[in-house]
């Protein structure tokens, strides 16, 4: 049997590919666990700066494998939930490269990533209600935080999908391309990988977590994320490299 998830490295970027094209990359438990393991690898290996999550064969992910569901299987990782990352995220950034449909759990998987790059023909939606289910992998929780309530409600209750250009207009995704989504994602990943790794991880953590912080406590909550960054070798290297008009050599410490 072919691996359900393929993992490769490319210039400090970990590329994770859901490899079930005949099933439009519908998520299984084995695939979710493999994605979760890949994210552990991302965080544990210092030379890796970010990851790209994509799907093989022109689809991103069509959601839960319904045949597996009927057998009693849920496509979750114990820590990361659906797809291995919907209830947990690595410290380093993850970019979703979306070709074709990202529906149901597939949309939730994309939303769990930090940035989304999509082919112009990609589609996004949470059609679970059409199957008598609920988008409980994060869809009905995340969309009201990212969209006006009326729009989030429409997507949740009708189950209808939107195209990539509409998703871009709504601010749900970062970039739309006429070419391969992963090529555009690689460009974005290289821009991230060029920056200080400690600073990138701290910035991701603050952007993700700060919406929960009371305004009067922002500095108190932010300090643990940034104190070690300002005291790091990388911070001094960044300043020296700027003064010497050269590219910095990051150490991750």
C-alpha atoms as a PDB file:
ATOM      1  CA  UNK A   1       0.000   0.000   0.000  1.00  0.00           C
ATOM      2  CA  UNK A   2       1.273   3.480  -0.881  1.00  0.00           C
ATOM      3  CA  UNK A   3       2.027   5.882   1.943  1.00  0.00           C
ATOM      4  CA  UNK A   4      -1.056   7.998   2.652  1.00  0.00           C
ATOM      5  CA  UNK A   5       1.168  10.984   3.421  1.00  0.00           C
ATOM      6  CA  UNK A   6       4.435  11.847   1.679  1.00  0.00           C
ATOM      7  CA  UNK A   7       7.027  13.960   3.497  1.00  0.00           C
ATOM      8  CA  UNK A   8      10.012  15.609   1.800  1.00  0.00           C
ATOM      9  CA  UNK A   9      12.427  18.447   2.570  1.00  0.00           C
ATOM     10  CA  UNK A  10      13.219  21.303   0.217  1.00  0.00           C
ATOM     11  CA  UNK A  11      15.533  24.121   1.255  1.00  0.00           C
ATOM     12  CA  UNK A  12      14.581  24.160   4.932  1.00  0.00           C
ATOM     13  CA  UNK A  13      10.893  23.683   4.139  1.00  0.00           C
ATOM     14  CA  UNK A  14       9.071  20.463   5.047  1.00  0.00           C
ATOM     15  CA  UNK A  15       6.576  19.517   2.330  1.00  0.00           C
ATOM     16  CA  UNK A  16       3.739  17.278   3.525  1.00  0.00           C
ATOM     17  CA  UNK A  17       1.477  15.799   0.840  1.00  0.00           C
ATOM     18  CA  UNK A  18      -1.770  13.930   1.479  1.00  0.00           C
ATOM     19  CA  UNK A  19      -1.419  11.058  -0.984  1.00  0.00           C
ATOM     20  CA  UNK A  20      -4.882   9.599  -1.621  1.00  0.00           C
ATOM     21  CA  UNK A  21      -5.698  11.196  -4.997  1.00  0.00           C
ATOM     22  CA  UNK A  22      -8.216   8.541  -6.022  1.00  0.00           C
ATOM     23  CA  UNK A  23     -10.251   9.482  -2.929  1.00  0.00           C
ATOM     24  CA  UNK A  24      -9.653  13.243  -3.413  1.00  0.00           C
ATOM     25  CA  UNK A  25      -7.320  12.967  -0.419  1.00  0.00           C
ATOM     26  CA  UNK A  26     -10.156  12.222   2.009  1.00  0.00           C
ATOM     27  CA  UNK A  27      -8.702  12.040   5.501  1.00  0.00           C
ATOM     28  CA  UNK A  28      -8.116   8.766   7.353  1.00  0.00           C
ATOM     29  CA  UNK A  29      -6.810   8.132  10.837  1.00  0.00           C
ATOM     30  CA  UNK A  30      -3.492   6.921   9.423  1.00  0.00           C
ATOM     31  CA  UNK A  31      -3.112  10.102   7.369  1.00  0.00           C
ATOM     32  CA  UNK A  32      -3.987  12.302  10.359  1.00  0.00           C
ATOM     33  CA  UNK A  33      -1.399  10.562  12.505  1.00  0.00           C
ATOM     34  CA  UNK A  34       1.211  10.870   9.758  1.00  0.00           C
ATOM     35  CA  UNK A  35       0.567  14.617   9.448  1.00  0.00           C
ATOM     36  CA  UNK A  36       0.853  14.983  13.214  1.00  0.00           C
ATOM     37  CA  UNK A  37       4.190  13.131  13.127  1.00  0.00           C
ATOM     38  CA  UNK A  38       5.413  15.393  10.320  1.00  0.00           C
ATOM     39  CA  UNK A  39       4.585  18.463  12.421  1.00  0.00           C
ATOM     40  CA  UNK A  40       6.588  17.012  15.313  1.00  0.00           C
ATOM     41  CA  UNK A  41       9.499  16.628  12.898  1.00  0.00           C
ATOM     42  CA  UNK A  42       9.076  20.257  11.828  1.00  0.00           C
ATOM     43  CA  UNK A  43       9.344  21.519  15.394  1.00  0.00           C
ATOM     44  CA  UNK A  44      12.140  19.190  16.467  1.00  0.00           C
ATOM     45  CA  UNK A  45      14.620  19.772  13.627  1.00  0.00           C
ATOM     46  CA  UNK A  46      16.339  23.151  13.731  1.00  0.00           C
ATOM     47  CA  UNK A  47      17.157  23.351  10.021  1.00  0.00           C
ATOM     48  CA  UNK A  48      13.452  23.199   9.154  1.00  0.00           C
ATOM     49  CA  UNK A  49      11.879  26.656   9.174  1.00  0.00           C
ATOM     50  CA  UNK A  50       8.297  26.060   8.033  1.00  0.00           C
ATOM     51  CA  UNK A  51       6.056  23.503   6.332  1.00  0.00           C
ATOM     52  CA  UNK A  52       3.742  23.288   3.344  1.00  0.00           C
ATOM     53  CA  UNK A  53       0.694  21.037   3.552  1.00  0.00           C
ATOM     54  CA  UNK A  54      -0.832  20.044   0.220  1.00  0.00           C
ATOM     55  CA  UNK A  55      -2.683  17.246  -1.559  1.00  0.00           C
ATOM     56  CA  UNK A  56      -1.753  15.004  -4.460  1.00  0.00           C
ATOM     57  CA  UNK A  57      -3.548  14.765  -7.783  1.00  0.00           C
ATOM     58  CA  UNK A  58      -5.168  18.184  -8.043  1.00  0.00           C
ATOM     59  CA  UNK A  59      -7.201  18.079  -4.815  1.00  0.00           C
ATOM     60  CA  UNK A  60      -6.362  19.375  -1.371  1.00  0.00           C
ATOM     61  CA  UNK A  61      -8.676  17.347   0.873  1.00  0.00           C
ATOM     62  CA  UNK A  62     -12.330  16.399   0.510  1.00  0.00           C
ATOM     63  CA  UNK A  63     -12.781  16.006   4.257  1.00  0.00           C
ATOM     64  CA  UNK A  64     -13.393  12.872   6.260  1.00  0.00           C
ATOM     65  CA  UNK A  65     -13.232   9.517   4.521  1.00  0.00           C
ATOM     66  CA  UNK A  66     -16.914   8.568   4.807  1.00  0.00           C
ATOM     67  CA  UNK A  67     -16.240   4.879   4.211  1.00  0.00           C
ATOM     68  CA  UNK A  68     -13.914   4.911   7.187  1.00  0.00           C
ATOM     69  CA  UNK A  69     -16.522   6.789   9.211  1.00  0.00           C
ATOM     70  CA  UNK A  70     -19.089   4.078   8.471  1.00  0.00           C
ATOM     71  CA  UNK A  71     -16.583   1.536   9.792  1.00  0.00           C
ATOM     72  CA  UNK A  72     -16.325   3.528  13.012  1.00  0.00           C
ATOM     73  CA  UNK A  73     -13.020   5.247  12.223  1.00  0.00           C
ATOM     74  CA  UNK A  74     -12.494   8.924  12.980  1.00  0.00           C
ATOM     75  CA  UNK A  75      -9.690  10.643  11.009  1.00  0.00           C
ATOM     76  CA  UNK A  76      -8.061  12.250  14.019  1.00  0.00           C
ATOM     77  CA  UNK A  77      -4.762  12.327  15.840  1.00  0.00           C
ATOM     78  CA  UNK A  78      -5.109  12.165  19.624  1.00  0.00           C
ATOM     79  CA  UNK A  79      -3.380  15.494  20.160  1.00  0.00           C
ATOM     80  CA  UNK A  80      -4.012  17.329  16.881  1.00  0.00           C
ATOM     81  CA  UNK A  81      -7.597  16.355  16.183  1.00  0.00           C
ATOM     82  CA  UNK A  82      -8.818  16.180  12.596  1.00  0.00           C
ATOM     83  CA  UNK A  83      -5.967  15.851  10.132  1.00  0.00           C
ATOM     84  CA  UNK A  84      -3.389  16.006  12.913  1.00  0.00           C
ATOM     85  CA  UNK A  85      -3.372  19.820  13.293  1.00  0.00           C
ATOM     86  CA  UNK A  86      -6.918  21.121  13.831  1.00  0.00           C
ATOM     87  CA  UNK A  87      -6.688  21.257  17.633  1.00  0.00           C
ATOM     88  CA  UNK A  88      -2.927  21.790  17.936  1.00  0.00           C
ATOM     89  CA  UNK A  89      -0.351  23.693  15.903  1.00  0.00           C
ATOM     90  CA  UNK A  90       3.434  23.448  15.721  1.00  0.00           C
ATOM     91  CA  UNK A  91       5.508  26.427  16.793  1.00  0.00           C
ATOM     92  CA  UNK A  92       6.729  26.960  13.231  1.00  0.00           C
ATOM     93  CA  UNK A  93       4.486  28.222  10.404  1.00  0.00           C
ATOM     94  CA  UNK A  94       2.478  25.918   8.154  1.00  0.00           C
ATOM     95  CA  UNK A  95       1.236  26.981   4.713  1.00  0.00           C
ATOM     96  CA  UNK A  96      -1.695  25.231   3.021  1.00  0.00           C
ATOM     97  CA  UNK A  97      -1.226  24.881  -0.762  1.00  0.00           C
ATOM     98  CA  UNK A  98      -4.722  24.237  -2.109  1.00  0.00           C
ATOM     99  CA  UNK A  99      -5.492  22.874  -5.556  1.00  0.00           C
ATOM    100  CA  UNK A 100      -9.081  21.823  -6.282  1.00  0.00           C
ATOM    101  CA  UNK A 101     -11.564  21.277  -3.459  1.00  0.00           C
ATOM    102  CA  UNK A 102     -10.862  21.991   0.208  1.00  0.00           C
ATOM    103  CA  UNK A 103     -14.225  20.958   1.576  1.00  0.00           C
ATOM    104  CA  UNK A 104     -15.606  19.912   4.956  1.00  0.00           C
ATOM    105  CA  UNK A 105     -12.616  18.754   6.995  1.00  0.00           C
ATOM    106  CA  UNK A 106     -10.400  19.798   4.105  1.00  0.00           C
ATOM    107  CA  UNK A 107     -11.409  23.428   4.612  1.00  0.00           C
ATOM    108  CA  UNK A 108     -10.925  23.033   8.355  1.00  0.00           C
ATOM    109  CA  UNK A 109      -7.473  21.590   7.691  1.00  0.00           C
ATOM    110  CA  UNK A 110      -6.577  24.609   5.549  1.00  0.00           C
ATOM    111  CA  UNK A 111      -7.919  27.007   8.192  1.00  0.00           C
ATOM    112  CA  UNK A 112      -5.769  25.260  10.807  1.00  0.00           C
ATOM    113  CA  UNK A 113      -2.686  26.278   8.822  1.00  0.00           C
ATOM    114  CA  UNK A 114      -1.194  29.736   9.257  1.00  0.00           C
ATOM    115  CA  UNK A 115      -1.409  30.849   5.634  1.00  0.00           C
ATOM    116  CA  UNK A 116      -3.336  29.586   2.597  1.00  0.00           C
ATOM    117  CA  UNK A 117      -2.291  29.745  -1.058  1.00  0.00           C
ATOM    118  CA  UNK A 118      -4.850  28.522  -3.582  1.00  0.00           C
ATOM    119  CA  UNK A 119      -5.172  27.805  -7.279  1.00  0.00           C
ATOM    120  CA  UNK A 120      -7.814  29.936  -8.932  1.00  0.00           C
ATOM    121  CA  UNK A 121     -10.025  26.848  -9.393  1.00  0.00           C
ATOM    122  CA  UNK A 122      -9.917  25.849  -5.714  1.00  0.00           C
ATOM    123  CA  UNK A 123     -13.154  25.770  -3.747  1.00  0.00           C
ATOM    124  CA  UNK A 124     -13.780  26.102  -0.016  1.00  0.00           C
ATOM    125  CA  UNK A 125     -16.775  25.115   2.078  1.00  0.00           C
ATOM    126  CA  UNK A 126     -18.187  23.174   5.012  1.00  0.00           C
ATOM    127  CA  UNK A 127     -20.939  20.999   3.458  1.00  0.00           C
ATOM    128  CA  UNK A 128     -21.317  18.741   6.506  1.00  0.00           C
ATOM    129  CA  UNK A 129     -24.962  19.724   7.006  1.00  0.00           C
ATOM    130  CA  UNK A 130     -25.719  18.201   3.591  1.00  0.00           C
ATOM    131  CA  UNK A 131     -24.661  14.842   5.084  1.00  0.00           C
ATOM    132  CA  UNK A 132     -26.398  15.314   8.430  1.00  0.00           C
ATOM    133  CA  UNK A 133     -23.117  16.184  10.132  1.00  0.00           C
ATOM    134  CA  UNK A 134     -21.513  19.259  11.726  1.00  0.00           C
ATOM    135  CA  UNK A 135     -18.172  20.892  10.829  1.00  0.00           C
ATOM    136  CA  UNK A 136     -16.839  20.064  14.284  1.00  0.00           C
ATOM    137  CA  UNK A 137     -13.176  20.019  13.246  1.00  0.00           C
ATOM    138  CA  UNK A 138     -13.049  23.783  13.668  1.00  0.00           C
ATOM    139  CA  UNK A 139     -15.212  25.100  10.827  1.00  0.00           C
ATOM    140  CA  UNK A 140     -18.187  26.361  12.807  1.00  0.00           C
ATOM    141  CA  UNK A 141     -15.829  27.809  15.428  1.00  0.00           C
ATOM    142  CA  UNK A 142     -13.173  29.396  13.222  1.00  0.00           C
ATOM    143  CA  UNK A 143     -15.353  30.915  10.488  1.00  0.00           C
ATOM    144  CA  UNK A 144     -17.270  33.279  12.839  1.00  0.00           C
ATOM    145  CA  UNK A 145     -13.882  34.544  14.056  1.00  0.00           C
ATOM    146  CA  UNK A 146     -12.663  35.166  10.520  1.00  0.00           C
ATOM    147  CA  UNK A 147     -15.835  36.409   8.796  1.00  0.00           C
ATOM    148  CA  UNK A 148     -18.841  38.574   9.556  1.00  0.00           C
ATOM    149  CA  UNK A 149     -21.382  36.467  11.446  1.00  0.00           C
ATOM    150  CA  UNK A 150     -23.913  36.496   8.603  1.00  0.00           C
ATOM    151  CA  UNK A 151     -21.421  35.101   6.098  1.00  0.00           C
ATOM    152  CA  UNK A 152     -20.160  32.439   8.505  1.00  0.00           C
ATOM    153  CA  UNK A 153     -23.748  31.450   9.218  1.00  0.00           C
ATOM    154  CA  UNK A 154     -24.569  31.159   5.523  1.00  0.00           C
ATOM    155  CA  UNK A 155     -21.618  28.859   4.862  1.00  0.00           C
ATOM    156  CA  UNK A 156     -22.445  26.727   7.909  1.00  0.00           C
ATOM    157  CA  UNK A 157     -26.181  26.395   7.286  1.00  0.00           C
ATOM    158  CA  UNK A 158     -26.331  26.038   3.494  1.00  0.00           C
ATOM    159  CA  UNK A 159     -23.226  23.922   3.089  1.00  0.00           C
ATOM    160  CA  UNK A 160     -22.488  25.833  -0.109  1.00  0.00           C
ATOM    161  CA  UNK A 161     -18.911  26.507  -1.197  1.00  0.00           C
ATOM    162  CA  UNK A 162     -17.064  29.592  -2.442  1.00  0.00           C
ATOM    163  CA  UNK A 163     -14.288  29.886  -5.010  1.00  0.00           C
ATOM    164  CA  UNK A 164     -10.730  31.025  -4.400  1.00  0.00           C
ATOM    165  CA  UNK A 165     -11.253  34.609  -5.563  1.00  0.00           C
ATOM    166  CA  UNK A 166     -14.202  35.049  -3.191  1.00  0.00           C
ATOM    167  CA  UNK A 167     -12.162  33.515  -0.359  1.00  0.00           C
ATOM    168  CA  UNK A 168      -9.387  36.018  -1.105  1.00  0.00           C
ATOM    169  CA  UNK A 169     -11.862  38.926  -1.089  1.00  0.00           C
ATOM    170  CA  UNK A 170     -13.115  37.796   2.306  1.00  0.00           C
ATOM    171  CA  UNK A 171      -9.589  37.565   3.709  1.00  0.00           C
ATOM    172  CA  UNK A 172      -9.760  33.811   4.282  1.00  0.00           C
ATOM    173  CA  UNK A 173      -6.727  33.080   2.128  1.00  0.00           C
ATOM    174  CA  UNK A 174      -3.473  34.873   1.320  1.00  0.00           C
ATOM    175  CA  UNK A 175      -2.829  34.379  -2.374  1.00  0.00           C
ATOM    176  CA  UNK A 176      -4.511  33.079  -5.535  1.00  0.00           C
ATOM    177  CA  UNK A 177      -2.458  31.758  -8.425  1.00  0.00           C
ATOM    178  CA  UNK A 178      -3.128  30.578 -11.969  1.00  0.00           C
ATOM    179  CA  UNK A 179      -0.249  28.144 -11.616  1.00  0.00           C
ATOM    180  CA  UNK A 180       0.498  25.375  -9.166  1.00  0.00           C
ATOM    181  CA  UNK A 181      -0.467  26.279  -5.616  1.00  0.00           C
ATOM    182  CA  UNK A 182       2.604  24.587  -4.197  1.00  0.00           C
ATOM    183  CA  UNK A 183       4.945  26.694  -6.342  1.00  0.00           C
ATOM    184  CA  UNK A 184       3.361  29.871  -4.978  1.00  0.00           C
ATOM    185  CA  UNK A 185       3.493  28.381  -1.470  1.00  0.00           C
ATOM    186  CA  UNK A 186       7.202  27.651  -1.935  1.00  0.00           C
ATOM    187  CA  UNK A 187       7.817  31.300  -2.748  1.00  0.00           C
ATOM    188  CA  UNK A 188       6.021  32.319   0.441  1.00  0.00           C
ATOM    189  CA  UNK A 189       7.844  29.645   2.447  1.00  0.00           C
ATOM    190  CA  UNK A 190      11.256  30.868   1.291  1.00  0.00           C
ATOM    191  CA  UNK A 191      10.372  34.408   2.358  1.00  0.00           C
ATOM    192  CA  UNK A 192       9.510  33.075   5.822  1.00  0.00           C
ATOM    193  CA  UNK A 193      12.575  30.819   5.999  1.00  0.00           C
ATOM    194  CA  UNK A 194      14.859  33.800   5.326  1.00  0.00           C
ATOM    195  CA  UNK A 195      13.849  35.399   8.628  1.00  0.00           C
ATOM    196  CA  UNK A 196      15.010  34.771  12.180  1.00  0.00           C
ATOM    197  CA  UNK A 197      13.492  31.437  13.281  1.00  0.00           C
ATOM    198  CA  UNK A 198      12.999  32.455  16.924  1.00  0.00           C
ATOM    199  CA  UNK A 199      11.311  35.674  15.848  1.00  0.00           C
ATOM    200  CA  UNK A 200       9.075  33.851  13.370  1.00  0.00           C
ATOM    201  CA  UNK A 201       7.932  31.316  15.974  1.00  0.00           C
ATOM    202  CA  UNK A 202       7.262  34.043  18.550  1.00  0.00           C
ATOM    203  CA  UNK A 203       5.349  36.139  16.017  1.00  0.00           C
ATOM    204  CA  UNK A 204       3.184  33.170  15.021  1.00  0.00           C
ATOM    205  CA  UNK A 205       2.422  32.412  18.653  1.00  0.00           C
ATOM    206  CA  UNK A 206       1.390  35.971  19.441  1.00  0.00           C
ATOM    207  CA  UNK A 207      -0.796  36.371  16.346  1.00  0.00           C
ATOM    208  CA  UNK A 208      -2.582  33.104  17.119  1.00  0.00           C
ATOM    209  CA  UNK A 209      -2.994  33.560  20.858  1.00  0.00           C
ATOM    210  CA  UNK A 210      -3.427  37.284  21.439  1.00  0.00           C
ATOM    211  CA  UNK A 211      -7.092  37.503  20.494  1.00  0.00           C
ATOM    212  CA  UNK A 212      -7.813  35.966  23.892  1.00  0.00           C
ATOM    213  CA  UNK A 213      -5.804  38.583  25.817  1.00  0.00           C
ATOM    214  CA  UNK A 214      -7.517  41.460  27.640  1.00  0.00           C
ATOM    215  CA  UNK A 215      -6.229  44.795  26.320  1.00  0.00           C
ATOM    216  CA  UNK A 216      -4.887  45.853  29.714  1.00  0.00           C
ATOM    217  CA  UNK A 217      -2.854  42.604  29.967  1.00  0.00           C
ATOM    218  CA  UNK A 218      -1.333  42.483  26.469  1.00  0.00           C
ATOM    219  CA  UNK A 219       2.226  43.319  27.550  1.00  0.00           C
ATOM    220  CA  UNK A 220       2.084  40.849  30.419  1.00  0.00           C
ATOM    221  CA  UNK A 221       0.998  38.028  28.129  1.00  0.00           C
ATOM    222  CA  UNK A 222       3.349  38.967  25.298  1.00  0.00           C
ATOM    223  CA  UNK A 223       6.543  39.078  27.353  1.00  0.00           C
ATOM    224  CA  UNK A 224       7.063  35.286  27.647  1.00  0.00           C
ATOM    225  CA  UNK A 225       6.859  35.013  23.853  1.00  0.00           C
ATOM    226  CA  UNK A 226       9.464  37.687  23.109  1.00  0.00           C
ATOM    227  CA  UNK A 227      11.884  37.994  26.041  1.00  0.00           C
ATOM    228  CA  UNK A 228      14.165  35.193  24.856  1.00  0.00           C
ATOM    229  CA  UNK A 229      14.065  36.551  21.281  1.00  0.00           C
ATOM    230  CA  UNK A 230      15.472  39.957  22.229  1.00  0.00           C
ATOM    231  CA  UNK A 231      18.172  38.287  24.326  1.00  0.00           C
ATOM    232  CA  UNK A 232      19.145  35.802  21.612  1.00  0.00           C
ATOM    233  CA  UNK A 233      22.251  35.467  19.439  1.00  0.00           C
ATOM    234  CA  UNK A 234      19.964  35.811  16.434  1.00  0.00           C
ATOM    235  CA  UNK A 235      18.818  39.263  17.532  1.00  0.00           C
ATOM    236  CA  UNK A 236      22.434  40.442  17.722  1.00  0.00           C
ATOM    237  CA  UNK A 237      23.216  38.770  14.400  1.00  0.00           C
ATOM    238  CA  UNK A 238      20.275  40.499  12.756  1.00  0.00           C
ATOM    239  CA  UNK A 239      21.502  43.887  13.924  1.00  0.00           C
ATOM    240  CA  UNK A 240      25.097  43.169  12.845  1.00  0.00           C
ATOM    241  CA  UNK A 241      24.009  41.897   9.439  1.00  0.00           C
ATOM    242  CA  UNK A 242      21.924  45.025   8.871  1.00  0.00           C
ATOM    243  CA  UNK A 243      24.832  47.292   9.833  1.00  0.00           C
ATOM    244  CA  UNK A 244      27.244  45.306   7.649  1.00  0.00           C
ATOM    245  CA  UNK A 245      24.781  45.190   4.725  1.00  0.00           C
ATOM    246  CA  UNK A 246      24.831  41.388   4.404  1.00  0.00           C
ATOM    247  CA  UNK A 247      22.428  38.502   4.770  1.00  0.00           C
ATOM    248  CA  UNK A 248      22.108  37.261   8.360  1.00  0.00           C
ATOM    249  CA  UNK A 249      23.285  33.801   9.362  1.00  0.00           C
ATOM    250  CA  UNK A 250      20.644  32.542  11.789  1.00  0.00           C
ATOM    251  CA  UNK A 251      21.522  30.054  14.525  1.00  0.00           C
ATOM    252  CA  UNK A 252      18.102  29.606  16.082  1.00  0.00           C
ATOM    253  CA  UNK A 253      19.421  30.568  19.496  1.00  0.00           C
END
